[in-house]
Amino acid sequence: MAEELQEQLEQVHALLEQGYHCSQVMMGLSMELRQITAPFVLRALGALGYGMFAQRTCGILTGGVCMLSSYFPREEVEPEPMGYQKLAERLVCWFEETYHSIQCGDLVGQAQNCARCPQMMAETFVQCLALLEEEGIDPYE
């Protein structure tokens, strides 16, 4: 687990160096695994960064939930898939239990000291992978 976490942390830093922030990094990590390129998706997730730029719900968490949802495709004529809702709830509970809040302002403070965020991104991404695998979903597909 420590080796996987270190590998994810390196990828987090690489995406941060490209100018992405928390919510975009979460989806970007998944897109790299699946060899998907979708700049529009990353731009759209930009609105969730820094707690929607109001220090509300953490962008790591909202980006992670969006990433989990992306593993449940839907054709236009099909009903909304429900499987991701259970995973989203489990991720939110894990996140709050692990970090004691889901609010960006609580996690980074009003000064937006994001020094702990890369580690949180890597840990949360590893948790997302574990949730997917528990459901029998291959995170590489």
C-alpha atoms as a PDB file:
ATOM      1  CA  MET A   1       0.000   0.000   0.000  1.00  0.00           C
ATOM      2  CA  ALA A   2       2.812   2.417   0.842  1.00  0.00           C
ATOM      3  CA  GLU A   3       4.410   1.884  -2.571  1.00  0.00           C
ATOM      4  CA  GLU A   4       1.084   2.480  -4.344  1.00  0.00           C
ATOM      5  CA  LEU A   5       0.533   5.620  -2.279  1.00  0.00           C
ATOM      6  CA  GLN A   6       4.001   6.938  -3.129  1.00  0.00           C
ATOM      7  CA  GLU A   7       3.397   6.294  -6.826  1.00  0.00           C
ATOM      8  CA  GLN A   8       0.088   8.153  -6.685  1.00  0.00           C
ATOM      9  CA  LEU A   9       1.695  11.022  -4.800  1.00  0.00           C
ATOM     10  CA  GLU A  10       4.263  11.418  -7.571  1.00  0.00           C
ATOM     11  CA  GLN A  11       1.477  11.520 -10.162  1.00  0.00           C
ATOM     12  CA  VAL A  12      -0.426  14.060  -8.050  1.00  0.00           C
ATOM     13  CA  HIS A  13       2.605  16.350  -8.012  1.00  0.00           C
ATOM     14  CA  ALA A  14       3.052  15.954 -11.773  1.00  0.00           C
ATOM     15  CA  LEU A  15      -0.546  17.067 -12.385  1.00  0.00           C
ATOM     16  CA  LEU A  16      -0.244  19.932  -9.901  1.00  0.00           C
ATOM     17  CA  GLU A  17       2.872  21.110 -11.740  1.00  0.00           C
ATOM     18  CA  GLN A  18       0.779  21.231 -14.937  1.00  0.00           C
ATOM     19  CA  GLY A  19      -1.495  23.753 -13.229  1.00  0.00           C
ATOM     20  CA  TYR A  20      -4.370  21.473 -12.259  1.00  0.00           C
ATOM     21  CA  HIS A  21      -5.872  21.638  -8.816  1.00  0.00           C
ATOM     22  CA  CYS A  22      -7.533  19.179  -6.471  1.00  0.00           C
ATOM     23  CA  SER A  23     -10.752  18.196  -8.248  1.00  0.00           C
ATOM     24  CA  GLN A  24      -9.031  18.068 -11.626  1.00  0.00           C
ATOM     25  CA  VAL A  25      -6.184  15.970 -10.239  1.00  0.00           C
ATOM     26  CA  MET A  26      -8.617  13.355  -8.931  1.00  0.00           C
ATOM     27  CA  MET A  27     -10.177  12.851 -12.359  1.00  0.00           C
ATOM     28  CA  GLY A  28      -6.839  13.296 -14.121  1.00  0.00           C
ATOM     29  CA  LEU A  29      -5.331  10.385 -12.195  1.00  0.00           C
ATOM     30  CA  SER A  30      -8.195   8.160 -13.271  1.00  0.00           C
ATOM     31  CA  MET A  31      -8.030   9.344 -16.863  1.00  0.00           C
ATOM     32  CA  GLU A  32      -4.323   8.505 -16.953  1.00  0.00           C
ATOM     33  CA  LEU A  33      -5.075   4.978 -15.700  1.00  0.00           C
ATOM     34  CA  ARG A  34      -7.667   4.509 -18.431  1.00  0.00           C
ATOM     35  CA  GLN A  35      -5.615   6.301 -21.096  1.00  0.00           C
ATOM     36  CA  ILE A  36      -8.439   8.765 -21.692  1.00  0.00           C
ATOM     37  CA  THR A  37      -7.933  12.302 -22.934  1.00  0.00           C
ATOM     38  CA  ALA A  38     -10.842  14.660 -22.289  1.00  0.00           C
ATOM     39  CA  PRO A  39      -9.734  18.257 -21.712  1.00  0.00           C
ATOM     40  CA  PHE A  40     -13.370  19.376 -21.521  1.00  0.00           C
ATOM     41  CA  VAL A  41     -13.949  17.141 -18.507  1.00  0.00           C
ATOM     42  CA  LEU A  42     -10.906  18.502 -16.698  1.00  0.00           C
ATOM     43  CA  ARG A  43     -11.957  22.082 -17.440  1.00  0.00           C
ATOM     44  CA  ALA A  44     -15.466  21.395 -16.128  1.00  0.00           C
ATOM     45  CA  LEU A  45     -14.075  19.929 -12.913  1.00  0.00           C
ATOM     46  CA  GLY A  46     -12.082  23.112 -12.444  1.00  0.00           C
ATOM     47  CA  ALA A  47     -15.162  24.727 -10.900  1.00  0.00           C
ATOM     48  CA  LEU A  48     -14.974  22.358  -7.937  1.00  0.00           C
ATOM     49  CA  GLY A  49     -11.484  23.406  -6.806  1.00  0.00           C
ATOM     50  CA  TYR A  50     -10.861  24.973  -3.411  1.00  0.00           C
ATOM     51  CA  GLY A  51     -14.327  24.002  -2.263  1.00  0.00           C
ATOM     52  CA  MET A  52     -15.958  25.605  -5.311  1.00  0.00           C
ATOM     53  CA  PHE A  53     -13.735  28.619  -4.647  1.00  0.00           C
ATOM     54  CA  ALA A  54     -15.765  29.323  -1.528  1.00  0.00           C
ATOM     55  CA  GLN A  55     -13.974  26.875   0.794  1.00  0.00           C
ATOM     56  CA  ARG A  56     -17.070  24.662   0.931  1.00  0.00           C
ATOM     57  CA  THR A  57     -17.066  20.930   0.123  1.00  0.00           C
ATOM     58  CA  CYS A  58     -13.458  19.895  -0.531  1.00  0.00           C
ATOM     59  CA  GLY A  59     -12.525  19.580  -4.203  1.00  0.00           C
ATOM     60  CA  ILE A  60     -10.590  16.399  -3.476  1.00  0.00           C
ATOM     61  CA  LEU A  61     -13.828  14.807  -2.305  1.00  0.00           C
ATOM     62  CA  THR A  62     -16.063  16.214  -5.051  1.00  0.00           C
ATOM     63  CA  GLY A  63     -13.457  15.308  -7.675  1.00  0.00           C
ATOM     64  CA  GLY A  64     -13.244  11.807  -6.215  1.00  0.00           C
ATOM     65  CA  VAL A  65     -17.010  11.360  -6.302  1.00  0.00           C
ATOM     66  CA  CYS A  66     -17.090  12.557  -9.911  1.00  0.00           C
ATOM     67  CA  MET A  67     -14.298  10.143 -10.744  1.00  0.00           C
ATOM     68  CA  LEU A  68     -16.208   7.230  -9.188  1.00  0.00           C
ATOM     69  CA  SER A  69     -19.308   8.213 -11.150  1.00  0.00           C
ATOM     70  CA  SER A  70     -17.333   8.119 -14.392  1.00  0.00           C
ATOM     71  CA  TYR A  71     -17.006   4.337 -14.014  1.00  0.00           C
ATOM     72  CA  PHE A  72     -20.763   3.927 -14.432  1.00  0.00           C
ATOM     73  CA  PRO A  73     -21.477   4.730 -18.083  1.00  0.00           C
ATOM     74  CA  ARG A  74     -24.956   5.487 -19.311  1.00  0.00           C
ATOM     75  CA  GLU A  75     -26.425   5.395 -22.764  1.00  0.00           C
ATOM     76  CA  GLU A  76     -28.968   8.109 -23.544  1.00  0.00           C
ATOM     77  CA  VAL A  77     -31.888   5.694 -23.585  1.00  0.00           C
ATOM     78  CA  GLU A  78     -30.906   4.001 -20.312  1.00  0.00           C
ATOM     79  CA  PRO A  79     -31.943   5.055 -16.809  1.00  0.00           C
ATOM     80  CA  GLU A  80     -29.402   6.677 -14.522  1.00  0.00           C
ATOM     81  CA  PRO A  81     -27.034   4.024 -13.107  1.00  0.00           C
ATOM     82  CA  MET A  82     -27.374   3.827  -9.341  1.00  0.00           C
ATOM     83  CA  GLY A  83     -24.209   1.922  -8.408  1.00  0.00           C
ATOM     84  CA  TYR A  84     -22.036   4.986  -8.035  1.00  0.00           C
ATOM     85  CA  GLN A  85     -24.303   6.475  -5.382  1.00  0.00           C
ATOM     86  CA  LYS A  86     -23.330   3.775  -2.878  1.00  0.00           C
ATOM     87  CA  LEU A  87     -19.641   4.309  -3.652  1.00  0.00           C
ATOM     88  CA  ALA A  88     -20.040   8.085  -3.346  1.00  0.00           C
ATOM     89  CA  GLU A  89     -21.617   7.704   0.082  1.00  0.00           C
ATOM     90  CA  ARG A  90     -18.852   5.354   1.210  1.00  0.00           C
ATOM     91  CA  LEU A  91     -16.179   7.772  -0.013  1.00  0.00           C
ATOM     92  CA  VAL A  92     -17.797  10.718   1.779  1.00  0.00           C
ATOM     93  CA  CYS A  93     -17.985   8.737   5.036  1.00  0.00           C
ATOM     94  CA  TRP A  94     -14.368   7.571   4.697  1.00  0.00           C
ATOM     95  CA  PHE A  95     -13.174  11.094   3.905  1.00  0.00           C
ATOM     96  CA  GLU A  96     -14.946  12.668   6.863  1.00  0.00           C
ATOM     97  CA  GLU A  97     -13.763   9.925   9.218  1.00  0.00           C
ATOM     98  CA  THR A  98     -10.186  10.214   7.951  1.00  0.00           C
ATOM     99  CA  TYR A  99      -9.848  14.009   7.772  1.00  0.00           C
ATOM    100  CA  HIS A 100     -12.539  15.027  10.324  1.00  0.00           C
ATOM    101  CA  SER A 101     -14.282  17.358   7.891  1.00  0.00           C
ATOM    102  CA  ILE A 102     -15.395  17.593   4.286  1.00  0.00           C
ATOM    103  CA  GLN A 103     -15.113  21.373   4.202  1.00  0.00           C
ATOM    104  CA  CYS A 104     -12.164  22.917   2.394  1.00  0.00           C
ATOM    105  CA  GLY A 105     -12.079  25.813   4.859  1.00  0.00           C
ATOM    106  CA  ASP A 106     -11.669  23.412   7.778  1.00  0.00           C
ATOM    107  CA  LEU A 107      -8.998  21.400   5.980  1.00  0.00           C
ATOM    108  CA  VAL A 108      -6.792  24.197   4.619  1.00  0.00           C
ATOM    109  CA  GLY A 109      -7.872  27.206   6.668  1.00  0.00           C
ATOM    110  CA  GLN A 110      -8.727  30.679   5.483  1.00  0.00           C
ATOM    111  CA  ALA A 111      -5.135  31.212   4.321  1.00  0.00           C
ATOM    112  CA  GLN A 112      -5.624  28.309   1.872  1.00  0.00           C
ATOM    113  CA  ASN A 113      -2.550  26.510   3.151  1.00  0.00           C
ATOM    114  CA  CYS A 114      -2.724  23.522   0.818  1.00  0.00           C
ATOM    115  CA  ALA A 115       0.488  21.847   1.978  1.00  0.00           C
ATOM    116  CA  ARG A 116      -1.379  18.729   3.111  1.00  0.00           C
ATOM    117  CA  CYS A 117      -3.565  18.487   0.001  1.00  0.00           C
ATOM    118  CA  PRO A 118      -1.249  16.422  -2.260  1.00  0.00           C
ATOM    119  CA  GLN A 119      -1.047  13.682   0.366  1.00  0.00           C
ATOM    120  CA  MET A 120      -4.819  13.813   0.813  1.00  0.00           C
ATOM    121  CA  MET A 121      -5.304  13.553  -2.967  1.00  0.00           C
ATOM    122  CA  ALA A 122      -3.104  10.466  -3.175  1.00  0.00           C
ATOM    123  CA  GLU A 123      -4.770   8.819  -0.168  1.00  0.00           C
ATOM    124  CA  THR A 124      -8.251   9.584  -1.471  1.00  0.00           C
ATOM    125  CA  PHE A 125      -7.408   8.301  -4.934  1.00  0.00           C
ATOM    126  CA  VAL A 126      -6.097   5.038  -3.464  1.00  0.00           C
ATOM    127  CA  GLN A 127      -9.341   4.782  -1.473  1.00  0.00           C
ATOM    128  CA  CYS A 128     -11.352   5.333  -4.670  1.00  0.00           C
ATOM    129  CA  LEU A 129      -9.444   2.532  -6.379  1.00  0.00           C
ATOM    130  CA  ALA A 130     -10.141   0.224  -3.430  1.00  0.00           C
ATOM    131  CA  LEU A 131     -13.869   1.051  -3.537  1.00  0.00           C
ATOM    132  CA  LEU A 132     -14.020   0.310  -7.257  1.00  0.00           C
ATOM    133  CA  GLU A 133     -12.159  -2.965  -6.848  1.00  0.00           C
ATOM    134  CA  GLU A 134     -14.462  -4.016  -3.992  1.00  0.00           C
ATOM    135  CA  GLU A 135     -17.354  -3.614  -6.435  1.00  0.00           C
ATOM    136  CA  GLY A 136     -15.573  -5.718  -9.040  1.00  0.00           C
ATOM    137  CA  ILE A 137     -14.804  -2.711 -11.257  1.00  0.00           C
ATOM    138  CA  ASP A 138     -11.442  -2.587 -12.988  1.00  0.00           C
ATOM    139  CA  PRO A 139     -10.107   0.974 -12.474  1.00  0.00           C
ATOM    140  CA  TYR A 140      -8.030   0.624 -15.658  1.00  0.00           C
ATOM    141  CA  GLU A 141     -11.106   0.292 -17.891  1.00  0.00           C
END
